[in-house]
């Protein structure tokens, strides 16, 4: 089965709020914003080839700068859901 060219990307509401606060409170907010843009692009175009698989191929983890992103991929629906974002200090 051929992978889709683009995936829809959804951040769980609480994750979106966490990311917003990370950016607002950060001294390096511009850098964090750039990391989120790179994460967005990677997860929309190649979620199964970026990051690392976890318990299964659909549960994955991506590292970008100081951020660690956990996400799930639904190939059939061409969808990605970000389930958690953490900042490593």
C-alpha atoms as a PDB file:
ATOM      1  CA  UNK A   1       0.000   0.000   0.000  1.00  0.00           C
ATOM      2  CA  UNK A   2       1.419   3.355  -1.046  1.00  0.00           C
ATOM      3  CA  UNK A   3       1.727   5.984   1.680  1.00  0.00           C
ATOM      4  CA  UNK A   4      -0.378   9.134   1.195  1.00  0.00           C
ATOM      5  CA  UNK A   5       1.383  12.264  -0.072  1.00  0.00           C
ATOM      6  CA  UNK A   6      -0.058  14.373   2.757  1.00  0.00           C
ATOM      7  CA  UNK A   7      -1.485  13.556   6.153  1.00  0.00           C
ATOM      8  CA  UNK A   8      -3.957  15.600   8.153  1.00  0.00           C
ATOM      9  CA  UNK A   9      -2.421  16.719  11.427  1.00  0.00           C
ATOM     10  CA  UNK A  10      -4.278  17.221  14.697  1.00  0.00           C
ATOM     11  CA  UNK A  11      -2.918  18.202  18.097  1.00  0.00           C
ATOM     12  CA  UNK A  12      -5.107  17.072  20.987  1.00  0.00           C
ATOM     13  CA  UNK A  13      -6.606  20.231  22.570  1.00  0.00           C
ATOM     14  CA  UNK A  14      -4.626  19.869  25.799  1.00  0.00           C
ATOM     15  CA  UNK A  15      -1.424  19.337  23.816  1.00  0.00           C
ATOM     16  CA  UNK A  16      -2.085  22.448  21.733  1.00  0.00           C
ATOM     17  CA  UNK A  17      -2.532  24.415  24.974  1.00  0.00           C
ATOM     18  CA  UNK A  18       0.695  22.966  26.418  1.00  0.00           C
ATOM     19  CA  UNK A  19       2.639  23.945  23.302  1.00  0.00           C
ATOM     20  CA  UNK A  20       1.215  27.460  23.380  1.00  0.00           C
ATOM     21  CA  UNK A  21       2.328  27.902  27.002  1.00  0.00           C
ATOM     22  CA  UNK A  22       5.782  26.488  26.228  1.00  0.00           C
ATOM     23  CA  UNK A  23       6.227  29.109  23.522  1.00  0.00           C
ATOM     24  CA  UNK A  24       4.786  31.976  25.592  1.00  0.00           C
ATOM     25  CA  UNK A  25       6.970  31.221  28.610  1.00  0.00           C
ATOM     26  CA  UNK A  26      10.188  30.398  26.760  1.00  0.00           C
ATOM     27  CA  UNK A  27      13.152  32.713  26.498  1.00  0.00           C
ATOM     28  CA  UNK A  28      13.786  31.153  23.112  1.00  0.00           C
ATOM     29  CA  UNK A  29      10.200  31.363  21.851  1.00  0.00           C
ATOM     30  CA  UNK A  30      11.236  32.064  18.254  1.00  0.00           C
ATOM     31  CA  UNK A  31      13.387  28.922  18.205  1.00  0.00           C
ATOM     32  CA  UNK A  32      10.558  26.824  19.695  1.00  0.00           C
ATOM     33  CA  UNK A  33       8.157  28.203  17.089  1.00  0.00           C
ATOM     34  CA  UNK A  34      10.607  27.200  14.348  1.00  0.00           C
ATOM     35  CA  UNK A  35      10.811  23.686  15.825  1.00  0.00           C
ATOM     36  CA  UNK A  36       7.006  23.403  15.769  1.00  0.00           C
ATOM     37  CA  UNK A  37       6.946  24.485  12.111  1.00  0.00           C
ATOM     38  CA  UNK A  38       9.501  21.767  11.252  1.00  0.00           C
ATOM     39  CA  UNK A  39       7.507  19.194  13.245  1.00  0.00           C
ATOM     40  CA  UNK A  40       4.325  20.223  11.442  1.00  0.00           C
ATOM     41  CA  UNK A  41       5.934  19.783   8.029  1.00  0.00           C
ATOM     42  CA  UNK A  42       7.510  16.429   8.880  1.00  0.00           C
ATOM     43  CA  UNK A  43       4.322  14.966  10.317  1.00  0.00           C
ATOM     44  CA  UNK A  44       2.193  16.155   7.405  1.00  0.00           C
ATOM     45  CA  UNK A  45       4.493  14.647   4.774  1.00  0.00           C
ATOM     46  CA  UNK A  46       6.396  11.686   6.247  1.00  0.00           C
ATOM     47  CA  UNK A  47       5.168  10.668   9.711  1.00  0.00           C
ATOM     48  CA  UNK A  48       6.236   7.051   9.302  1.00  0.00           C
ATOM     49  CA  UNK A  49       9.794   7.841   8.235  1.00  0.00           C
ATOM     50  CA  UNK A  50      10.629  10.572  10.752  1.00  0.00           C
ATOM     51  CA  UNK A  51      11.030   9.848  14.415  1.00  0.00           C
ATOM     52  CA  UNK A  52      11.087   6.409  15.975  1.00  0.00           C
ATOM     53  CA  UNK A  53       8.522   3.671  16.358  1.00  0.00           C
ATOM     54  CA  UNK A  54       7.419   2.843  19.894  1.00  0.00           C
ATOM     55  CA  UNK A  55       5.109   0.002  20.857  1.00  0.00           C
ATOM     56  CA  UNK A  56       3.953  -0.344  17.262  1.00  0.00           C
ATOM     57  CA  UNK A  57       4.593   1.302  13.917  1.00  0.00           C
ATOM     58  CA  UNK A  58       1.662   3.658  14.462  1.00  0.00           C
ATOM     59  CA  UNK A  59       2.809   4.893  17.903  1.00  0.00           C
ATOM     60  CA  UNK A  60       5.820   7.077  17.274  1.00  0.00           C
ATOM     61  CA  UNK A  61       8.117   9.646  18.839  1.00  0.00           C
ATOM     62  CA  UNK A  62       9.912  12.547  17.131  1.00  0.00           C
ATOM     63  CA  UNK A  63      12.742  14.675  18.520  1.00  0.00           C
ATOM     64  CA  UNK A  64      13.144  18.219  17.201  1.00  0.00           C
ATOM     65  CA  UNK A  65      15.435  20.594  19.051  1.00  0.00           C
ATOM     66  CA  UNK A  66      14.420  20.593  22.707  1.00  0.00           C
ATOM     67  CA  UNK A  67      10.994  19.091  21.942  1.00  0.00           C
ATOM     68  CA  UNK A  68       9.886  15.473  22.117  1.00  0.00           C
ATOM     69  CA  UNK A  69       6.634  14.730  20.293  1.00  0.00           C
ATOM     70  CA  UNK A  70       4.539  11.593  20.705  1.00  0.00           C
ATOM     71  CA  UNK A  71       2.053  10.872  17.936  1.00  0.00           C
ATOM     72  CA  UNK A  72      -0.142   8.213  16.350  1.00  0.00           C
ATOM     73  CA  UNK A  73      -0.471   7.529  12.644  1.00  0.00           C
ATOM     74  CA  UNK A  74      -3.582   6.190  10.914  1.00  0.00           C
ATOM     75  CA  UNK A  75      -2.441   5.186   7.418  1.00  0.00           C
ATOM     76  CA  UNK A  76      -5.920   4.353   6.155  1.00  0.00           C
ATOM     77  CA  UNK A  77      -7.268   7.783   7.112  1.00  0.00           C
ATOM     78  CA  UNK A  78      -3.990   9.568   6.218  1.00  0.00           C
ATOM     79  CA  UNK A  79      -4.119  11.197   9.649  1.00  0.00           C
ATOM     80  CA  UNK A  80      -1.670  12.008  12.435  1.00  0.00           C
ATOM     81  CA  UNK A  81      -2.671  12.864  16.002  1.00  0.00           C
ATOM     82  CA  UNK A  82      -0.128  14.453  18.332  1.00  0.00           C
ATOM     83  CA  UNK A  83      -0.782  13.032  21.793  1.00  0.00           C
ATOM     84  CA  UNK A  84       1.961  14.752  23.814  1.00  0.00           C
ATOM     85  CA  UNK A  85       4.770  17.300  23.502  1.00  0.00           C
ATOM     86  CA  UNK A  86       7.504  17.671  26.105  1.00  0.00           C
ATOM     87  CA  UNK A  87      10.375  20.081  26.354  1.00  0.00           C
ATOM     88  CA  UNK A  88      13.736  18.660  27.373  1.00  0.00           C
ATOM     89  CA  UNK A  89      15.765  21.201  29.256  1.00  0.00           C
END
